[in-house]
Each structure stands twice: as C-alpha cells, then as structure tokens.
Amino acid sequence: MRLAAPHIDEFISGSRNGALNQNRELRIYFLQIYEVMKSLKPVGDDDLRLLWIEIPRGTIDDFGDYDTFREEELVDSYEDFEEEWKAYYPDPVKWYGQMV
C-alpha cells in the first residue's frame, strides 16, 4: 500500500468519529505497527512508547478530486485547488507522532 498524508489524516479523522472500518487495509497496517511496538520496552515511569512516522504528502490526486472540490464550491479554479493542497501539506513530508 502506498501511503500519503491525506490517507493518514482521513484515517485519523475517521477513527476519532468512530468510523474505524472506512479503510480496512490501513487499519490492518496500523494494527501490525501496534503489535511490533508492544514488544519494545517503554522508557520512563509511564509505560508509554512514542512512535513517530514520516509520510509523504503524496500527489494532488491523493489530496482529492478537483471536480468534487469545485462542485462543492470549495475552490473556484484548479489553481485554488492546488493552493488548498499546498496549504494543508506545505512540506514534502508530514510527521505523525502517537503514543502507543
């Protein structure tokens, strides 16, 4: 599976809203990461582990569909769509940190 930041953000948003089944493949991927992390010894007094992953922002197609954004009146032009993408994902990669 090729991951991009919009996929991760969508998964996180869905999981916060109780929609964990929206992307079964991604959910399985994260469960596998969690299983590996459980075997690592925690550091400190709190028994927590902090996992940082770096995910590419992906392509503008990973961000969304221009026609959909335009139909929903979120943008007026393709240039607006591209600016929106770059506003959400200004860097070529996005870092995610999570305690496990």
PDB file of N, CA and C in Angstrom:
ATOM      1  N   MET A   1       0.848  -1.185   0.000  1.00  0.00           N
ATOM      2  CA  MET A   1       0.000   0.000   0.000  1.00  0.00           C
ATOM      3  C   MET A   1       0.889   1.242   0.000  1.00  0.00           C
ATOM      4  N   ARG A   2       0.620   2.157  -0.903  1.00  0.00           N
ATOM      5  CA  ARG A   2       1.329   3.427  -0.962  1.00  0.00           C
ATOM      6  C   ARG A   2       0.563   4.433  -0.116  1.00  0.00           C
ATOM      7  N   LEU A   3       1.209   4.900   0.949  1.00  0.00           N
ATOM      8  CA  LEU A   3       0.562   5.835   1.861  1.00  0.00           C
ATOM      9  C   LEU A   3       0.955   7.264   1.543  1.00  0.00           C
ATOM     10  N   ALA A   4       0.015   8.157   1.722  1.00  0.00           N
ATOM     11  CA  ALA A   4       0.262   9.585   1.612  1.00  0.00           C
ATOM     12  C   ALA A   4      -0.442  10.261   2.779  1.00  0.00           C
ATOM     13  N   ALA A   5       0.024  11.443   3.142  1.00  0.00           N
ATOM     14  CA  ALA A   5      -0.511  12.155   4.300  1.00  0.00           C
ATOM     15  C   ALA A   5      -2.041  12.302   4.273  1.00  0.00           C
ATOM     16  N   PRO A   6      -2.668  12.600   3.133  1.00  0.00           N
ATOM     17  CA  PRO A   6      -4.136  12.695   3.150  1.00  0.00           C
ATOM     18  C   PRO A   6      -4.810  11.386   3.561  1.00  0.00           C
ATOM     19  N   HIS A   7      -4.219  10.234   3.224  1.00  0.00           N
ATOM     20  CA  HIS A   7      -4.791   8.947   3.627  1.00  0.00           C
ATOM     21  C   HIS A   7      -4.730   8.800   5.147  1.00  0.00           C
ATOM     22  N   ILE A   8      -3.589   9.173   5.733  1.00  0.00           N
ATOM     23  CA  ILE A   8      -3.421   9.071   7.182  1.00  0.00           C
ATOM     24  C   ILE A   8      -4.376  10.034   7.882  1.00  0.00           C
ATOM     25  N   ASP A   9      -4.469  11.264   7.390  1.00  0.00           N
ATOM     26  CA  ASP A   9      -5.364  12.242   8.011  1.00  0.00           C
ATOM     27  C   ASP A   9      -6.821  11.780   7.941  1.00  0.00           C
ATOM     28  N   GLU A  10      -7.203  11.206   6.832  1.00  0.00           N
ATOM     29  CA  GLU A  10      -8.566  10.696   6.693  1.00  0.00           C
ATOM     30  C   GLU A  10      -8.812   9.552   7.669  1.00  0.00           C
ATOM     31  N   PHE A  11      -7.833   8.676   7.822  1.00  0.00           N
ATOM     32  CA  PHE A  11      -7.954   7.563   8.759  1.00  0.00           C
ATOM     33  C   PHE A  11      -8.074   8.078  10.193  1.00  0.00           C
ATOM     34  N   ILE A  12      -7.226   9.026  10.570  1.00  0.00           N
ATOM     35  CA  ILE A  12      -7.256   9.586  11.928  1.00  0.00           C
ATOM     36  C   ILE A  12      -8.595  10.252  12.187  1.00  0.00           C
ATOM     37  N   SER A  13      -9.055  11.047  11.236  1.00  0.00           N
ATOM     38  CA  SER A  13     -10.341  11.720  11.380  1.00  0.00           C
ATOM     39  C   SER A  13     -11.475  10.707  11.526  1.00  0.00           C
ATOM     40  N   GLY A  14     -11.453   9.677  10.709  1.00  0.00           N
ATOM     41  CA  GLY A  14     -12.491   8.647  10.783  1.00  0.00           C
ATOM     42  C   GLY A  14     -12.456   7.884  12.096  1.00  0.00           C
ATOM     43  N   SER A  15     -11.251   7.598  12.594  1.00  0.00           N
ATOM     44  CA  SER A  15     -11.150   6.850  13.842  1.00  0.00           C
ATOM     45  C   SER A  15     -11.648   7.676  15.018  1.00  0.00           C
ATOM     46  N   ARG A  16     -11.447   8.982  14.975  1.00  0.00           N
ATOM     47  CA  ARG A  16     -11.952   9.858  16.033  1.00  0.00           C
ATOM     48  C   ARG A  16     -13.471   9.948  16.006  1.00  0.00           C
ATOM     49  N   ASN A  17     -14.053   9.730  14.832  1.00  0.00           N
ATOM     50  CA  ASN A  17     -15.511   9.786  14.685  1.00  0.00           C
ATOM     51  C   ASN A  17     -16.152   8.415  14.801  1.00  0.00           C
ATOM     52  N   GLY A  18     -15.366   7.410  15.167  1.00  0.00           N
ATOM     53  CA  GLY A  18     -15.899   6.063  15.336  1.00  0.00           C
ATOM     54  C   GLY A  18     -16.057   5.292  14.048  1.00  0.00           C
ATOM     55  N   ALA A  19     -15.444   5.739  12.964  1.00  0.00           N
ATOM     56  CA  ALA A  19     -15.571   5.082  11.666  1.00  0.00           C
ATOM     57  C   ALA A  19     -14.290   4.314  11.341  1.00  0.00           C
ATOM     58  N   LEU A  20     -13.890   3.398  12.228  1.00  0.00           N
ATOM     59  CA  LEU A  20     -12.629   2.683  12.053  1.00  0.00           C
ATOM     60  C   LEU A  20     -12.604   1.761  10.845  1.00  0.00           C
ATOM     61  N   ASN A  21     -13.741   1.425  10.322  1.00  0.00           N
ATOM     62  CA  ASN A  21     -13.778   0.471   9.214  1.00  0.00           C
ATOM     63  C   ASN A  21     -13.686   1.132   7.853  1.00  0.00           C
ATOM     64  N   GLN A  22     -13.482   2.452   7.780  1.00  0.00           N
ATOM     65  CA  GLN A  22     -13.522   3.110   6.481  1.00  0.00           C
ATOM     66  C   GLN A  22     -12.387   2.677   5.567  1.00  0.00           C
ATOM     67  N   ASN A  23     -11.263   2.247   6.127  1.00  0.00           N
ATOM     68  CA  ASN A  23     -10.156   1.795   5.300  1.00  0.00           C
ATOM     69  C   ASN A  23      -9.551   0.571   5.968  1.00  0.00           C
ATOM     70  N   ARG A  24     -10.060  -0.582   5.605  1.00  0.00           N
ATOM     71  CA  ARG A  24      -9.658  -1.834   6.259  1.00  0.00           C
ATOM     72  C   ARG A  24      -8.163  -2.096   6.104  1.00  0.00           C
ATOM     73  N   GLU A  25      -7.620  -1.841   4.915  1.00  0.00           N
ATOM     74  CA  GLU A  25      -6.209  -2.100   4.663  1.00  0.00           C
ATOM     75  C   GLU A  25      -5.318  -1.232   5.555  1.00  0.00           C
ATOM     76  N   LEU A  26      -5.690   0.022   5.706  1.00  0.00           N
ATOM     77  CA  LEU A  26      -4.917   0.925   6.557  1.00  0.00           C
ATOM     78  C   LEU A  26      -5.056   0.551   8.032  1.00  0.00           C
ATOM     79  N   ARG A  27      -6.240   0.146   8.440  1.00  0.00           N
ATOM     80  CA  ARG A  27      -6.453  -0.285   9.831  1.00  0.00           C
ATOM     81  C   ARG A  27      -5.578  -1.483  10.153  1.00  0.00           C
ATOM     82  N   ILE A  28      -5.506  -2.448   9.249  1.00  0.00           N
ATOM     83  CA  ILE A  28      -4.658  -3.631   9.442  1.00  0.00           C
ATOM     84  C   ILE A  28      -3.186  -3.217   9.525  1.00  0.00           C
ATOM     85  N   TYR A  29      -2.785  -2.298   8.681  1.00  0.00           N
ATOM     86  CA  TYR A  29      -1.412  -1.790   8.679  1.00  0.00           C
ATOM     87  C   TYR A  29      -1.058  -1.208  10.048  1.00  0.00           C
ATOM     88  N   PHE A  30      -1.953  -0.368  10.607  1.00  0.00           N
ATOM     89  CA  PHE A  30      -1.686   0.235  11.910  1.00  0.00           C
ATOM     90  C   PHE A  30      -1.714  -0.795  13.035  1.00  0.00           C
ATOM     91  N   LEU A  31      -2.570  -1.769  12.934  1.00  0.00           N
ATOM     92  CA  LEU A  31      -2.580  -2.827  13.949  1.00  0.00           C
ATOM     93  C   LEU A  31      -1.272  -3.608  13.942  1.00  0.00           C
ATOM     94  N   GLN A  32      -0.706  -3.825  12.759  1.00  0.00           N
ATOM     95  CA  GLN A  32       0.588  -4.502  12.672  1.00  0.00           C
ATOM     96  C   GLN A  32       1.688  -3.659  13.319  1.00  0.00           C
ATOM     97  N   ILE A  33       1.666  -2.360  13.086  1.00  0.00           N
ATOM     98  CA  ILE A  33       2.639  -1.470  13.723  1.00  0.00           C
ATOM     99  C   ILE A  33       2.480  -1.534  15.238  1.00  0.00           C
ATOM    100  N   TYR A  34       1.256  -1.507  15.701  1.00  0.00           N
ATOM    101  CA  TYR A  34       0.990  -1.560  17.142  1.00  0.00           C
ATOM    102  C   TYR A  34       1.538  -2.852  17.744  1.00  0.00           C
ATOM    103  N   GLU A  35       1.347  -3.961  17.067  1.00  0.00           N
ATOM    104  CA  GLU A  35       1.856  -5.239  17.575  1.00  0.00           C
ATOM    105  C   GLU A  35       3.377  -5.220  17.710  1.00  0.00           C
ATOM    106  N   VAL A  36       4.062  -4.638  16.746  1.00  0.00           N
ATOM    107  CA  VAL A  36       5.520  -4.519  16.824  1.00  0.00           C
ATOM    108  C   VAL A  36       5.902  -3.611  17.989  1.00  0.00           C
ATOM    109  N   MET A  37       5.198  -2.501  18.146  1.00  0.00           N
ATOM    110  CA  MET A  37       5.517  -1.549  19.201  1.00  0.00           C
ATOM    111  C   MET A  37       5.318  -2.137  20.590  1.00  0.00           C
ATOM    112  N   LYS A  38       4.368  -3.040  20.750  1.00  0.00           N
ATOM    113  CA  LYS A  38       4.127  -3.648  22.061  1.00  0.00           C
ATOM    114  C   LYS A  38       5.352  -4.395  22.565  1.00  0.00           C
ATOM    115  N   SER A  39       6.173  -4.891  21.652  1.00  0.00           N
ATOM    116  CA  SER A  39       7.336  -5.672  22.068  1.00  0.00           C
ATOM    117  C   SER A  39       8.515  -4.793  22.494  1.00  0.00           C
ATOM    118  N   LEU A  40       8.444  -3.488  22.231  1.00  0.00           N
ATOM    119  CA  LEU A  40       9.523  -2.581  22.625  1.00  0.00           C
ATOM    120  C   LEU A  40       9.354  -2.174  24.087  1.00  0.00           C
ATOM    121  N   LYS A  41      10.458  -2.129  24.800  1.00  0.00           N
ATOM    122  CA  LYS A  41      10.427  -1.755  26.201  1.00  0.00           C
ATOM    123  C   LYS A  41      10.163  -0.248  26.321  1.00  0.00           C
ATOM    124  N   PRO A  42       9.175   0.132  27.148  1.00  0.00           N
ATOM    125  CA  PRO A  42       8.909   1.561  27.335  1.00  0.00           C
ATOM    126  C   PRO A  42      10.037   2.219  28.127  1.00  0.00           C
ATOM    127  N   VAL A  43      10.171   3.512  27.941  1.00  0.00           N
ATOM    128  CA  VAL A  43      11.178   4.294  28.649  1.00  0.00           C
ATOM    129  C   VAL A  43      10.444   5.230  29.604  1.00  0.00           C
ATOM    130  N   GLY A  44      10.946   5.367  30.808  1.00  0.00           N
ATOM    131  CA  GLY A  44      10.341   6.284  31.776  1.00  0.00           C
ATOM    132  C   GLY A  44       9.388   5.576  32.710  1.00  0.00           C
ATOM    133  N   ASP A  45       8.680   6.376  33.494  1.00  0.00           N
ATOM    134  CA  ASP A  45       7.795   5.853  34.529  1.00  0.00           C
ATOM    135  C   ASP A  45       6.368   5.610  34.052  1.00  0.00           C
ATOM    136  N   ASP A  46       6.026   6.030  32.843  1.00  0.00           N
ATOM    137  CA  ASP A  46       4.634   5.984  32.411  1.00  0.00           C
ATOM    138  C   ASP A  46       4.275   4.805  31.519  1.00  0.00           C
ATOM    139  N   ASP A  47       5.233   3.950  31.188  1.00  0.00           N
ATOM    140  CA  ASP A  47       5.000   2.775  30.328  1.00  0.00           C
ATOM    141  C   ASP A  47       4.479   3.126  28.944  1.00  0.00           C
ATOM    142  N   LEU A  48       4.771   4.324  28.486  1.00  0.00           N
ATOM    143  CA  LEU A  48       4.330   4.735  27.150  1.00  0.00           C
ATOM    144  C   LEU A  48       5.495   4.671  26.171  1.00  0.00           C
ATOM    145  N   ARG A  49       5.148   4.450  24.923  1.00  0.00           N
ATOM    146  CA  ARG A  49       6.112   4.488  23.830  1.00  0.00           C
ATOM    147  C   ARG A  49       5.614   5.554  22.859  1.00  0.00           C
ATOM    148  N   LEU A  50       6.517   6.334  22.321  1.00  0.00           N
ATOM    149  CA  LEU A  50       6.122   7.353  21.352  1.00  0.00           C
ATOM    150  C   LEU A  50       6.649   6.949  19.986  1.00  0.00           C
ATOM    151  N   LEU A  51       5.750   6.816  19.050  1.00  0.00           N
ATOM    152  CA  LEU A  51       6.085   6.422  17.689  1.00  0.00           C
ATOM    153  C   LEU A  51       5.953   7.629  16.776  1.00  0.00           C
ATOM    154  N   TRP A  52       7.004   7.911  16.018  1.00  0.00           N
ATOM    155  CA  TRP A  52       6.975   8.966  15.014  1.00  0.00           C
ATOM    156  C   TRP A  52       7.145   8.313  13.650  1.00  0.00           C
ATOM    157  N   ILE A  53       6.249   8.650  12.725  1.00  0.00           N
ATOM    158  CA  ILE A  53       6.392   8.148  11.360  1.00  0.00           C
ATOM    159  C   ILE A  53       6.365   9.339  10.401  1.00  0.00           C
ATOM    160  N   GLU A  54       7.108   9.189   9.337  1.00  0.00           N
ATOM    161  CA  GLU A  54       7.196  10.218   8.302  1.00  0.00           C
ATOM    162  C   GLU A  54       6.459   9.688   7.074  1.00  0.00           C
ATOM    163  N   ILE A  55       5.483  10.459   6.614  1.00  0.00           N
ATOM    164  CA  ILE A  55       4.665  10.050   5.472  1.00  0.00           C
ATOM    165  C   ILE A  55       4.744  11.146   4.409  1.00  0.00           C
ATOM    166  N   PRO A  56       4.974  10.771   3.150  1.00  0.00           N
ATOM    167  CA  PRO A  56       4.991  11.793   2.094  1.00  0.00           C
ATOM    168  C   PRO A  56       3.610  12.434   1.939  1.00  0.00           C
ATOM    169  N   ARG A  57       3.620  13.710   1.553  1.00  0.00           N
ATOM    170  CA  ARG A  57       2.329  14.387   1.368  1.00  0.00           C
ATOM    171  C   ARG A  57       1.559  13.774   0.201  1.00  0.00           C
ATOM    172  N   GLY A  58       2.258  13.117  -0.706  1.00  0.00           N
ATOM    173  CA  GLY A  58       1.612  12.497  -1.851  1.00  0.00           C
ATOM    174  C   GLY A  58       1.374  13.493  -2.961  1.00  0.00           C
ATOM    175  N   THR A  59       0.575  13.067  -3.897  1.00  0.00           N
ATOM    176  CA  THR A  59       0.256  13.896  -5.056  1.00  0.00           C
ATOM    177  C   THR A  59      -1.026  14.677  -4.794  1.00  0.00           C
ATOM    178  N   ILE A  60      -1.313  15.602  -5.657  1.00  0.00           N
ATOM    179  CA  ILE A  60      -2.552  16.359  -5.524  1.00  0.00           C
ATOM    180  C   ILE A  60      -3.762  15.433  -5.670  1.00  0.00           C
ATOM    181  N   ASP A  61      -3.610  14.331  -6.423  1.00  0.00           N
ATOM    182  CA  ASP A  61      -4.699  13.357  -6.551  1.00  0.00           C
ATOM    183  C   ASP A  61      -4.962  12.634  -5.231  1.00  0.00           C
ATOM    184  N   ASP A  62      -3.912  12.461  -4.406  1.00  0.00           N
ATOM    185  CA  ASP A  62      -4.113  11.880  -3.075  1.00  0.00           C
ATOM    186  C   ASP A  62      -4.931  12.822  -2.198  1.00  0.00           C
ATOM    187  N   PHE A  63      -4.761  14.124  -2.421  1.00  0.00           N
ATOM    188  CA  PHE A  63      -5.468  15.136  -1.641  1.00  0.00           C
ATOM    189  C   PHE A  63      -6.960  15.116  -1.936  1.00  0.00           C
ATOM    190  N   GLY A  64      -7.313  14.928  -3.189  1.00  0.00           N
ATOM    191  CA  GLY A  64      -8.728  14.916  -3.535  1.00  0.00           C
ATOM    192  C   GLY A  64      -8.947  15.073  -5.025  1.00  0.00           C
ATOM    193  N   ASP A  65     -10.206  15.206  -5.370  1.00  0.00           N
ATOM    194  CA  ASP A  65     -10.615  15.331  -6.763  1.00  0.00           C
ATOM    195  C   ASP A  65     -11.018  16.776  -7.035  1.00  0.00           C
ATOM    196  N   TYR A  66     -10.345  17.392  -7.988  1.00  0.00           N
ATOM    197  CA  TYR A  66     -10.605  18.799  -8.304  1.00  0.00           C
ATOM    198  C   TYR A  66     -12.081  19.043  -8.622  1.00  0.00           C
ATOM    199  N   ASP A  67     -12.673  18.190  -9.453  1.00  0.00           N
ATOM    200  CA  ASP A  67     -14.072  18.397  -9.844  1.00  0.00           C
ATOM    201  C   ASP A  67     -14.997  18.369  -8.629  1.00  0.00           C
ATOM    202  N   THR A  68     -14.726  17.480  -7.682  1.00  0.00           N
ATOM    203  CA  THR A  68     -15.539  17.406  -6.466  1.00  0.00           C
ATOM    204  C   THR A  68     -15.384  18.675  -5.643  1.00  0.00           C
ATOM    205  N   PHE A  69     -14.144  19.140  -5.477  1.00  0.00           N
ATOM    206  CA  PHE A  69     -13.919  20.381  -4.733  1.00  0.00           C
ATOM    207  C   PHE A  69     -14.659  21.543  -5.391  1.00  0.00           C
ATOM    208  N   ARG A  70     -14.628  21.579  -6.710  1.00  0.00           N
ATOM    209  CA  ARG A  70     -15.288  22.669  -7.444  1.00  0.00           C
ATOM    210  C   ARG A  70     -16.812  22.564  -7.334  1.00  0.00           C
ATOM    211  N   GLU A  71     -17.343  21.342  -7.483  1.00  0.00           N
ATOM    212  CA  GLU A  71     -18.794  21.147  -7.364  1.00  0.00           C
ATOM    213  C   GLU A  71     -19.297  21.517  -5.973  1.00  0.00           C
ATOM    214  N   GLU A  72     -18.479  21.262  -4.959  1.00  0.00           N
ATOM    215  CA  GLU A  72     -18.866  21.598  -3.584  1.00  0.00           C
ATOM    216  C   GLU A  72     -18.530  23.049  -3.241  1.00  0.00           C
ATOM    217  N   GLU A  73     -18.102  23.805  -4.254  1.00  0.00           N
ATOM    218  CA  GLU A  73     -17.780  25.231  -4.139  1.00  0.00           C
ATOM    219  C   GLU A  73     -16.712  25.499  -3.081  1.00  0.00           C
ATOM    220  N   LEU A  74     -15.754  24.581  -2.980  1.00  0.00           N
ATOM    221  CA  LEU A  74     -14.628  24.760  -2.070  1.00  0.00           C
ATOM    222  C   LEU A  74     -13.491  25.509  -2.746  1.00  0.00           C
ATOM    223  N   VAL A  75     -13.459  25.438  -4.079  1.00  0.00           N
ATOM    224  CA  VAL A  75     -12.463  26.166  -4.875  1.00  0.00           C
ATOM    225  C   VAL A  75     -13.146  26.680  -6.132  1.00  0.00           C
ATOM    226  N   ASP A  76     -12.544  27.712  -6.717  1.00  0.00           N
ATOM    227  CA  ASP A  76     -13.081  28.283  -7.956  1.00  0.00           C
ATOM    228  C   ASP A  76     -12.297  27.872  -9.188  1.00  0.00           C
ATOM    229  N   SER A  77     -11.034  27.467  -8.970  1.00  0.00           N
ATOM    230  CA  SER A  77     -10.183  27.127 -10.096  1.00  0.00           C
ATOM    231  C   SER A  77      -9.200  26.035  -9.684  1.00  0.00           C
ATOM    232  N   TYR A  78      -8.527  25.470 -10.687  1.00  0.00           N
ATOM    233  CA  TYR A  78      -7.521  24.456 -10.378  1.00  0.00           C
ATOM    234  C   TYR A  78      -6.385  25.058  -9.564  1.00  0.00           C
ATOM    235  N   GLU A  79      -6.074  26.322  -9.825  1.00  0.00           N
ATOM    236  CA  GLU A  79      -5.022  26.995  -9.054  1.00  0.00           C
ATOM    237  C   GLU A  79      -5.415  27.097  -7.579  1.00  0.00           C
ATOM    238  N   ASP A  80      -6.697  27.391  -7.314  1.00  0.00           N
ATOM    239  CA  ASP A  80      -7.191  27.418  -5.927  1.00  0.00           C
ATOM    240  C   ASP A  80      -7.068  26.033  -5.284  1.00  0.00           C
ATOM    241  N   PHE A  81      -7.388  25.021  -6.063  1.00  0.00           N
ATOM    242  CA  PHE A  81      -7.301  23.644  -5.577  1.00  0.00           C
ATOM    243  C   PHE A  81      -5.867  23.305  -5.202  1.00  0.00           C
ATOM    244  N   GLU A  82      -4.925  23.692  -6.065  1.00  0.00           N
ATOM    245  CA  GLU A  82      -3.513  23.436  -5.795  1.00  0.00           C
ATOM    246  C   GLU A  82      -3.038  24.219  -4.571  1.00  0.00           C
ATOM    247  N   GLU A  83      -3.485  25.454  -4.417  1.00  0.00           N
ATOM    248  CA  GLU A  83      -3.132  26.261  -3.245  1.00  0.00           C
ATOM    249  C   GLU A  83      -3.681  25.633  -1.962  1.00  0.00           C
ATOM    250  N   GLU A  84      -4.881  25.105  -2.032  1.00  0.00           N
ATOM    251  CA  GLU A  84      -5.502  24.437  -0.877  1.00  0.00           C
ATOM    252  C   GLU A  84      -4.682  23.216  -0.469  1.00  0.00           C
ATOM    253  N   TRP A  85      -4.297  22.416  -1.453  1.00  0.00           N
ATOM    254  CA  TRP A  85      -3.461  21.233  -1.211  1.00  0.00           C
ATOM    255  C   TRP A  85      -2.156  21.634  -0.523  1.00  0.00           C
ATOM    256  N   LYS A  86      -1.505  22.653  -1.063  1.00  0.00           N
ATOM    257  CA  LYS A  86      -0.224  23.096  -0.502  1.00  0.00           C
ATOM    258  C   LYS A  86      -0.400  23.769   0.862  1.00  0.00           C
ATOM    259  N   ALA A  87      -1.562  24.339   1.125  1.00  0.00           N
ATOM    260  CA  ALA A  87      -1.826  24.914   2.443  1.00  0.00           C
ATOM    261  C   ALA A  87      -1.956  23.807   3.491  1.00  0.00           C
ATOM    262  N   TYR A  88      -2.631  22.720   3.127  1.00  0.00           N
ATOM    263  CA  TYR A  88      -2.771  21.578   4.034  1.00  0.00           C
ATOM    264  C   TYR A  88      -1.450  20.825   4.189  1.00  0.00           C
ATOM    265  N   TYR A  89      -0.710  20.702   3.117  1.00  0.00           N
ATOM    266  CA  TYR A  89       0.527  19.916   3.096  1.00  0.00           C
ATOM    267  C   TYR A  89       1.654  20.735   2.469  1.00  0.00           C
ATOM    268  N   PRO A  90       2.173  21.732   3.198  1.00  0.00           N
ATOM    269  CA  PRO A  90       3.192  22.620   2.630  1.00  0.00           C
ATOM    270  C   PRO A  90       4.552  21.952   2.434  1.00  0.00           C
ATOM    271  N   ASP A  91       4.824  20.927   3.202  1.00  0.00           N
ATOM    272  CA  ASP A  91       6.123  20.250   3.127  1.00  0.00           C
ATOM    273  C   ASP A  91       5.991  18.935   2.364  1.00  0.00           C
ATOM    274  N   PRO A  92       7.082  18.464   1.790  1.00  0.00           N
ATOM    275  CA  PRO A  92       7.015  17.208   1.018  1.00  0.00           C
ATOM    276  C   PRO A  92       6.710  15.984   1.875  1.00  0.00           C
ATOM    277  N   VAL A  93       6.900  16.108   3.202  1.00  0.00           N
ATOM    278  CA  VAL A  93       6.560  15.011   4.113  1.00  0.00           C
ATOM    279  C   VAL A  93       5.819  15.580   5.308  1.00  0.00           C
ATOM    280  N   LYS A  94       5.086  14.721   6.004  1.00  0.00           N
ATOM    281  CA  LYS A  94       4.396  15.109   7.226  1.00  0.00           C
ATOM    282  C   LYS A  94       4.758  14.098   8.302  1.00  0.00           C
ATOM    283  N   TRP A  95       5.060  14.594   9.486  1.00  0.00           N
ATOM    284  CA  TRP A  95       5.414  13.739  10.609  1.00  0.00           C
ATOM    285  C   TRP A  95       4.181  13.539  11.483  1.00  0.00           C
ATOM    286  N   TYR A  96       3.992  12.301  11.908  1.00  0.00           N
ATOM    287  CA  TYR A  96       2.907  11.946  12.824  1.00  0.00           C
ATOM    288  C   TYR A  96       3.511  11.332  14.067  1.00  0.00           C
ATOM    289  N   GLY A  97       3.089  11.790  15.230  1.00  0.00           N
ATOM    290  CA  GLY A  97       3.547  11.218  16.483  1.00  0.00           C
ATOM    291  C   GLY A  97       2.372  10.630  17.229  1.00  0.00           C
ATOM    292  N   GLN A  98       2.569   9.452  17.799  1.00  0.00           N
ATOM    293  CA  GLN A  98       1.494   8.777  18.510  1.00  0.00           C
ATOM    294  C   GLN A  98       2.040   7.983  19.676  1.00  0.00           C
ATOM    295  N   MET A  99       1.418   8.115  20.822  1.00  0.00           N
ATOM    296  CA  MET A  99       1.795   7.274  21.957  1.00  0.00           C
ATOM    297  C   MET A  99       1.104   5.931  21.821  1.00  0.00           C
ATOM    298  N   VAL A 100       1.864   4.878  22.055  1.00  0.00           N
ATOM    299  CA  VAL A 100       1.284   3.523  21.998  1.00  0.00           C
ATOM    300  C   VAL A 100       1.671   2.751  23.232  1.00  0.00           C
TER     301      VAL A 100
END
